[in-house]
């Protein structure tokens, strides 16, 4: 299941509002390569990742990544996004990011619920 939201993404080179899909079936967060190029510096992974797509038994090789900040309901978050050439969506927010930031998906109300504890900046 998915929830779609328009979010502001920022990188080292610029910012852009992009359509983000919160996908409970995606392991990683990923971004379309053309969108990533406009936002920041793309890094090449030292060792590529082989990941299975939604089409069972079909794998793709991931070689690039980018770190981006994004805003949801005026709250600031950041994460690493794998870059997928020809990705049909702008951005997919996967379960690794959702778990990191403790997002909960309310499919009935088409909402992403943010745990208020993660929005407070703490330096330890």
N, C-alpha and C. Protein backbone atom coordinates (compact mmCIF):
# COMPACT_ATOMS: atom_id res chain seq x y z
N UNK A 1 0.84 -1.18 0.00
CA UNK A 1 0.00 0.00 0.00
C UNK A 1 0.89 1.24 0.00
N UNK A 2 0.35 2.31 -0.55
CA UNK A 2 1.13 3.54 -0.67
C UNK A 2 0.31 4.77 -0.26
N UNK A 3 1.04 5.81 0.11
CA UNK A 3 0.47 7.14 0.35
C UNK A 3 1.33 8.11 -0.44
N UNK A 4 0.71 9.01 -1.16
CA UNK A 4 1.42 9.96 -2.00
C UNK A 4 1.35 11.36 -1.41
N UNK A 5 2.52 12.04 -1.34
CA UNK A 5 2.60 13.40 -0.81
C UNK A 5 3.59 14.20 -1.65
N UNK A 6 3.33 15.50 -1.82
CA UNK A 6 4.33 16.37 -2.42
C UNK A 6 5.19 16.93 -1.30
N UNK A 7 6.51 16.72 -1.41
CA UNK A 7 7.44 17.13 -0.36
C UNK A 7 8.55 18.00 -0.97
N UNK A 8 9.11 18.86 -0.14
CA UNK A 8 10.27 19.65 -0.54
C UNK A 8 11.51 18.84 -0.22
N UNK A 9 12.37 18.67 -1.24
CA UNK A 9 13.65 17.98 -1.08
C UNK A 9 14.77 18.98 -1.30
N UNK A 10 15.81 18.89 -0.47
CA UNK A 10 16.97 19.77 -0.58
C UNK A 10 18.24 18.94 -0.62
N UNK A 11 19.15 19.37 -1.49
CA UNK A 11 20.47 18.76 -1.56
C UNK A 11 21.52 19.84 -1.62
N UNK A 12 22.75 19.45 -1.86
CA UNK A 12 23.86 20.40 -1.86
C UNK A 12 23.82 21.36 -3.05
N UNK A 13 23.05 21.03 -4.09
CA UNK A 13 22.99 21.87 -5.28
C UNK A 13 21.68 22.63 -5.46
N UNK A 14 20.66 22.27 -4.72
CA UNK A 14 19.38 22.95 -4.89
C UNK A 14 18.25 22.27 -4.17
N UNK A 15 17.05 22.71 -4.51
CA UNK A 15 15.84 22.16 -3.88
C UNK A 15 14.74 22.02 -4.92
N UNK A 16 13.78 21.14 -4.62
CA UNK A 16 12.68 20.93 -5.54
C UNK A 16 11.53 20.25 -4.80
N UNK A 17 10.30 20.62 -5.17
CA UNK A 17 9.13 19.90 -4.67
C UNK A 17 8.93 18.70 -5.58
N UNK A 18 8.84 17.52 -4.97
CA UNK A 18 8.71 16.28 -5.73
C UNK A 18 7.57 15.44 -5.16
N UNK A 19 6.98 14.65 -6.04
CA UNK A 19 5.93 13.71 -5.62
C UNK A 19 6.61 12.51 -4.98
N UNK A 20 6.34 12.30 -3.70
CA UNK A 20 6.93 11.19 -2.96
C UNK A 20 5.87 10.15 -2.65
N UNK A 21 6.22 8.92 -2.88
CA UNK A 21 5.35 7.79 -2.58
C UNK A 21 5.89 7.10 -1.33
N UNK A 22 5.09 7.06 -0.26
CA UNK A 22 5.44 6.30 0.93
C UNK A 22 4.95 4.87 0.67
N UNK A 23 5.89 3.96 0.47
CA UNK A 23 5.58 2.61 0.01
C UNK A 23 6.00 1.59 1.07
N UNK A 24 5.02 0.97 1.72
CA UNK A 24 5.31 -0.01 2.76
C UNK A 24 5.92 -1.30 2.20
N UNK A 25 5.93 -1.45 0.89
CA UNK A 25 6.51 -2.64 0.27
C UNK A 25 7.92 -2.43 -0.24
N UNK A 26 8.44 -1.20 -0.15
CA UNK A 26 9.79 -0.90 -0.63
C UNK A 26 10.77 -0.91 0.55
N UNK A 27 11.86 -1.62 0.40
CA UNK A 27 12.86 -1.68 1.48
C UNK A 27 13.64 -0.38 1.59
N UNK A 28 14.11 0.13 0.46
CA UNK A 28 14.96 1.32 0.44
C UNK A 28 14.20 2.52 -0.09
N UNK A 29 14.70 3.71 0.26
CA UNK A 29 14.20 4.93 -0.34
C UNK A 29 15.00 5.16 -1.61
N UNK A 30 14.33 5.59 -2.65
CA UNK A 30 15.00 5.78 -3.93
C UNK A 30 14.46 7.00 -4.65
N UNK A 31 15.24 7.46 -5.63
CA UNK A 31 14.90 8.67 -6.37
C UNK A 31 15.23 8.47 -7.84
N UNK A 32 14.45 9.11 -8.67
CA UNK A 32 14.69 9.11 -10.11
C UNK A 32 16.02 9.82 -10.37
N UNK A 33 16.83 9.27 -11.25
CA UNK A 33 18.17 9.81 -11.51
C UNK A 33 18.15 11.25 -12.01
N UNK A 34 17.22 11.60 -12.88
CA UNK A 34 17.14 12.97 -13.40
C UNK A 34 16.81 13.96 -12.28
N UNK A 35 15.92 13.58 -11.37
CA UNK A 35 15.57 14.45 -10.24
C UNK A 35 16.76 14.62 -9.30
N UNK A 36 17.50 13.54 -9.07
CA UNK A 36 18.65 13.58 -8.17
C UNK A 36 19.73 14.51 -8.69
N UNK A 37 19.98 14.48 -10.00
CA UNK A 37 21.04 15.31 -10.60
C UNK A 37 20.84 16.80 -10.32
N UNK A 38 19.58 17.22 -10.25
CA UNK A 38 19.28 18.63 -10.00
C UNK A 38 19.39 19.03 -8.53
N UNK A 39 19.50 18.05 -7.65
CA UNK A 39 19.47 18.33 -6.21
C UNK A 39 20.83 18.32 -5.54
N UNK A 40 21.70 17.41 -5.93
CA UNK A 40 22.94 17.32 -5.18
C UNK A 40 24.00 16.47 -5.86
N UNK A 41 25.06 16.28 -5.12
CA UNK A 41 26.19 15.50 -5.61
C UNK A 41 25.87 14.02 -5.48
N UNK A 42 25.99 13.33 -6.59
CA UNK A 42 25.71 11.89 -6.62
C UNK A 42 27.01 11.15 -6.32
N UNK A 43 26.92 10.19 -5.43
CA UNK A 43 28.08 9.37 -5.08
C UNK A 43 27.95 7.99 -5.69
N UNK A 44 29.10 7.46 -6.11
CA UNK A 44 29.15 6.09 -6.63
C UNK A 44 29.47 5.15 -5.48
N UNK A 45 28.69 4.11 -5.33
CA UNK A 45 28.93 3.13 -4.27
C UNK A 45 30.21 2.35 -4.56
N UNK A 46 30.95 2.05 -3.54
CA UNK A 46 32.18 1.26 -3.73
C UNK A 46 31.84 -0.14 -4.22
N UNK A 47 30.75 -0.69 -3.69
CA UNK A 47 30.26 -2.00 -4.12
C UNK A 47 28.79 -1.84 -4.48
N UNK A 48 28.43 -2.19 -5.67
CA UNK A 48 27.03 -2.03 -6.09
C UNK A 48 26.12 -2.97 -5.31
N UNK A 49 24.84 -2.60 -5.25
CA UNK A 49 23.82 -3.41 -4.59
C UNK A 49 22.96 -4.07 -5.65
N UNK A 50 22.66 -5.32 -5.46
CA UNK A 50 21.74 -6.02 -6.35
C UNK A 50 20.42 -6.15 -5.60
N UNK A 51 19.36 -5.50 -6.11
CA UNK A 51 18.08 -5.50 -5.41
C UNK A 51 16.99 -6.04 -6.31
N UNK A 52 16.04 -6.71 -5.67
CA UNK A 52 14.90 -7.26 -6.41
C UNK A 52 13.85 -6.18 -6.57
N UNK A 53 13.24 -6.12 -7.73
CA UNK A 53 12.19 -5.14 -8.01
C UNK A 53 10.83 -5.72 -7.62
N UNK A 54 9.79 -4.92 -7.83
CA UNK A 54 8.43 -5.39 -7.55
C UNK A 54 8.06 -6.56 -8.45
N UNK A 55 8.71 -6.66 -9.61
CA UNK A 55 8.50 -7.81 -10.50
C UNK A 55 9.33 -8.97 -9.96
N UNK A 56 8.67 -9.95 -9.38
CA UNK A 56 9.37 -11.05 -8.73
C UNK A 56 10.40 -11.69 -9.66
N UNK A 57 11.59 -11.88 -9.12
CA UNK A 57 12.66 -12.51 -9.88
C UNK A 57 13.44 -11.56 -10.77
N UNK A 58 13.07 -10.28 -10.81
CA UNK A 58 13.77 -9.31 -11.64
C UNK A 58 14.63 -8.43 -10.73
N UNK A 59 15.93 -8.39 -10.99
CA UNK A 59 16.87 -7.64 -10.17
C UNK A 59 17.48 -6.50 -10.96
N UNK A 60 17.85 -5.43 -10.24
CA UNK A 60 18.61 -4.34 -10.85
C UNK A 60 19.85 -4.08 -10.00
N UNK A 61 20.86 -3.54 -10.65
CA UNK A 61 22.13 -3.23 -9.98
C UNK A 61 22.12 -1.74 -9.62
N UNK A 62 22.30 -1.43 -8.35
CA UNK A 62 22.34 -0.05 -7.88
C UNK A 62 23.79 0.36 -7.70
N UNK A 63 24.17 1.45 -8.35
CA UNK A 63 25.56 1.89 -8.29
C UNK A 63 25.74 3.28 -7.70
N UNK A 64 24.63 4.04 -7.55
CA UNK A 64 24.74 5.43 -7.11
C UNK A 64 23.78 5.74 -5.98
N UNK A 65 24.14 6.76 -5.21
CA UNK A 65 23.32 7.18 -4.08
C UNK A 65 23.46 8.70 -3.87
N UNK A 66 22.53 9.26 -3.10
CA UNK A 66 22.57 10.68 -2.78
C UNK A 66 21.96 10.88 -1.39
N UNK A 67 22.50 11.84 -0.63
CA UNK A 67 21.93 12.19 0.67
C UNK A 67 21.10 13.44 0.49
N UNK A 68 19.86 13.39 0.96
CA UNK A 68 18.94 14.52 0.80
C UNK A 68 18.21 14.82 2.09
N UNK A 69 17.87 16.09 2.27
CA UNK A 69 16.96 16.51 3.32
C UNK A 69 15.57 16.60 2.71
N UNK A 70 14.55 16.36 3.52
CA UNK A 70 13.18 16.54 3.04
C UNK A 70 12.29 17.00 4.19
N UNK A 71 11.18 17.60 3.81
CA UNK A 71 10.27 18.21 4.79
C UNK A 71 8.88 17.60 4.67
N UNK A 72 8.35 17.18 5.80
CA UNK A 72 7.01 16.61 5.88
C UNK A 72 6.29 17.35 6.99
N UNK A 73 5.19 18.01 6.66
CA UNK A 73 4.42 18.79 7.64
C UNK A 73 5.33 19.76 8.41
N UNK A 74 6.18 20.45 7.69
CA UNK A 74 7.12 21.44 8.25
C UNK A 74 8.16 20.85 9.19
N UNK A 75 8.33 19.54 9.19
CA UNK A 75 9.37 18.88 9.98
C UNK A 75 10.50 18.46 9.05
N UNK A 76 11.73 18.62 9.51
CA UNK A 76 12.93 18.35 8.72
C UNK A 76 13.43 16.92 8.97
N UNK A 77 13.69 16.20 7.89
CA UNK A 77 14.24 14.85 7.95
C UNK A 77 15.35 14.72 6.92
N UNK A 78 16.16 13.70 7.02
CA UNK A 78 17.19 13.46 6.02
C UNK A 78 17.44 11.96 5.90
N UNK A 79 17.95 11.56 4.74
CA UNK A 79 18.30 10.15 4.55
C UNK A 79 19.07 9.99 3.26
N UNK A 80 19.54 8.78 3.07
CA UNK A 80 20.23 8.40 1.84
C UNK A 80 19.19 7.79 0.89
N UNK A 81 19.27 8.17 -0.38
CA UNK A 81 18.36 7.66 -1.39
C UNK A 81 19.17 6.96 -2.47
N UNK A 82 18.79 5.74 -2.81
CA UNK A 82 19.46 5.09 -3.91
C UNK A 82 18.90 5.65 -5.22
N UNK A 83 19.75 5.74 -6.20
CA UNK A 83 19.36 6.34 -7.48
C UNK A 83 19.03 5.23 -8.46
N UNK A 84 17.82 5.33 -9.01
CA UNK A 84 17.36 4.33 -9.98
C UNK A 84 17.08 5.02 -11.31
N UNK A 85 17.87 4.68 -12.33
CA UNK A 85 17.61 5.26 -13.66
C UNK A 85 16.21 4.86 -14.15
N UNK A 86 15.52 5.79 -14.76
CA UNK A 86 14.20 5.55 -15.34
C UNK A 86 13.14 5.13 -14.33
N UNK A 87 13.32 5.50 -13.06
CA UNK A 87 12.30 5.22 -12.05
C UNK A 87 11.03 5.96 -12.45
N UNK A 88 9.91 5.29 -12.45
CA UNK A 88 8.65 5.91 -12.92
C UNK A 88 8.13 6.98 -11.96
N UNK A 89 8.50 6.91 -10.69
CA UNK A 89 8.09 7.90 -9.69
C UNK A 89 9.23 8.88 -9.47
N UNK A 90 8.93 10.06 -8.90
CA UNK A 90 9.99 11.00 -8.54
C UNK A 90 10.82 10.41 -7.40
N UNK A 91 10.13 10.05 -6.31
CA UNK A 91 10.78 9.56 -5.09
C UNK A 91 9.91 8.47 -4.48
N UNK A 92 10.55 7.45 -3.93
CA UNK A 92 9.86 6.44 -3.13
C UNK A 92 10.50 6.45 -1.75
N UNK A 93 9.69 6.64 -0.73
CA UNK A 93 10.15 6.56 0.66
C UNK A 93 9.89 5.13 1.12
N UNK A 94 10.97 4.40 1.39
CA UNK A 94 10.86 3.00 1.77
C UNK A 94 10.85 2.77 3.27
N UNK A 95 10.75 1.51 3.64
CA UNK A 95 10.59 1.17 5.06
C UNK A 95 11.81 1.51 5.91
N UNK A 96 13.01 1.49 5.34
CA UNK A 96 14.21 1.83 6.12
C UNK A 96 14.11 3.27 6.62
N UNK A 97 13.68 4.19 5.76
CA UNK A 97 13.51 5.59 6.15
C UNK A 97 12.35 5.73 7.12
N UNK A 98 11.26 5.04 6.84
CA UNK A 98 10.09 5.15 7.71
C UNK A 98 10.40 4.63 9.12
N UNK A 99 11.17 3.54 9.21
CA UNK A 99 11.54 3.02 10.52
C UNK A 99 12.51 3.95 11.23
N UNK A 100 13.48 4.49 10.48
CA UNK A 100 14.47 5.41 11.06
C UNK A 100 13.78 6.59 11.72
N UNK A 101 12.79 7.17 11.03
CA UNK A 101 12.11 8.37 11.54
C UNK A 101 10.79 8.04 12.23
N UNK A 102 10.48 6.76 12.41
CA UNK A 102 9.28 6.29 13.10
C UNK A 102 7.98 6.83 12.49
N UNK A 103 7.94 6.87 11.16
CA UNK A 103 6.70 7.25 10.47
C UNK A 103 5.73 6.08 10.55
N UNK A 104 4.47 6.39 10.71
CA UNK A 104 3.40 5.39 10.65
C UNK A 104 2.47 5.80 9.52
N UNK A 105 2.03 4.83 8.74
CA UNK A 105 1.14 5.12 7.62
C UNK A 105 -0.30 4.80 8.00
N UNK A 106 -1.16 5.79 7.87
CA UNK A 106 -2.59 5.64 8.11
C UNK A 106 -3.27 5.62 6.75
N UNK A 107 -3.44 4.42 6.20
CA UNK A 107 -3.99 4.28 4.85
C UNK A 107 -5.45 4.69 4.77
N UNK A 108 -6.19 4.49 5.85
CA UNK A 108 -7.60 4.86 5.85
C UNK A 108 -7.80 6.35 5.63
N UNK A 109 -6.92 7.15 6.24
CA UNK A 109 -7.04 8.61 6.15
C UNK A 109 -5.99 9.23 5.24
N UNK A 110 -5.22 8.40 4.55
CA UNK A 110 -4.19 8.86 3.61
C UNK A 110 -3.22 9.83 4.29
N UNK A 111 -2.72 9.43 5.49
CA UNK A 111 -1.85 10.30 6.28
C UNK A 111 -0.56 9.58 6.66
N UNK A 112 0.50 10.37 6.78
CA UNK A 112 1.75 9.90 7.36
C UNK A 112 1.81 10.50 8.76
N UNK A 113 1.88 9.65 9.77
CA UNK A 113 1.89 10.10 11.16
C UNK A 113 3.34 10.18 11.63
N UNK A 114 3.69 11.34 12.17
CA UNK A 114 5.04 11.60 12.64
C UNK A 114 5.07 11.48 14.15
N UNK A 115 5.98 10.68 14.67
CA UNK A 115 6.17 10.56 16.11
C UNK A 115 6.78 11.88 16.61
N UNK A 116 6.11 12.60 17.51
CA UNK A 116 6.62 13.90 17.97
C UNK A 116 7.99 13.82 18.64
N UNK A 117 8.37 12.66 19.14
CA UNK A 117 9.67 12.51 19.79
C UNK A 117 10.83 12.68 18.81
N UNK A 118 10.62 12.34 17.55
CA UNK A 118 11.73 12.42 16.58
C UNK A 118 11.89 13.81 15.99
N UNK A 119 10.97 14.70 16.24
CA UNK A 119 11.07 16.05 15.68
C UNK A 119 11.84 17.01 16.57
N UNK A 120 12.20 16.56 17.76
CA UNK A 120 13.00 17.40 18.67
C UNK A 120 14.47 17.10 18.47
N UNK A 121 15.26 18.11 18.23
CA UNK A 121 16.70 17.95 18.05
C UNK A 121 17.37 17.79 19.40
N UNK A 122 18.15 16.72 19.52
CA UNK A 122 18.87 16.48 20.77
C UNK A 122 20.33 16.24 20.44
N UNK A 123 21.19 16.89 21.16
CA UNK A 123 22.62 16.64 21.05
C UNK A 123 23.07 15.94 22.31
N UNK A 124 23.70 14.81 22.14
CA UNK A 124 24.11 14.02 23.30
C UNK A 124 25.61 14.08 23.45
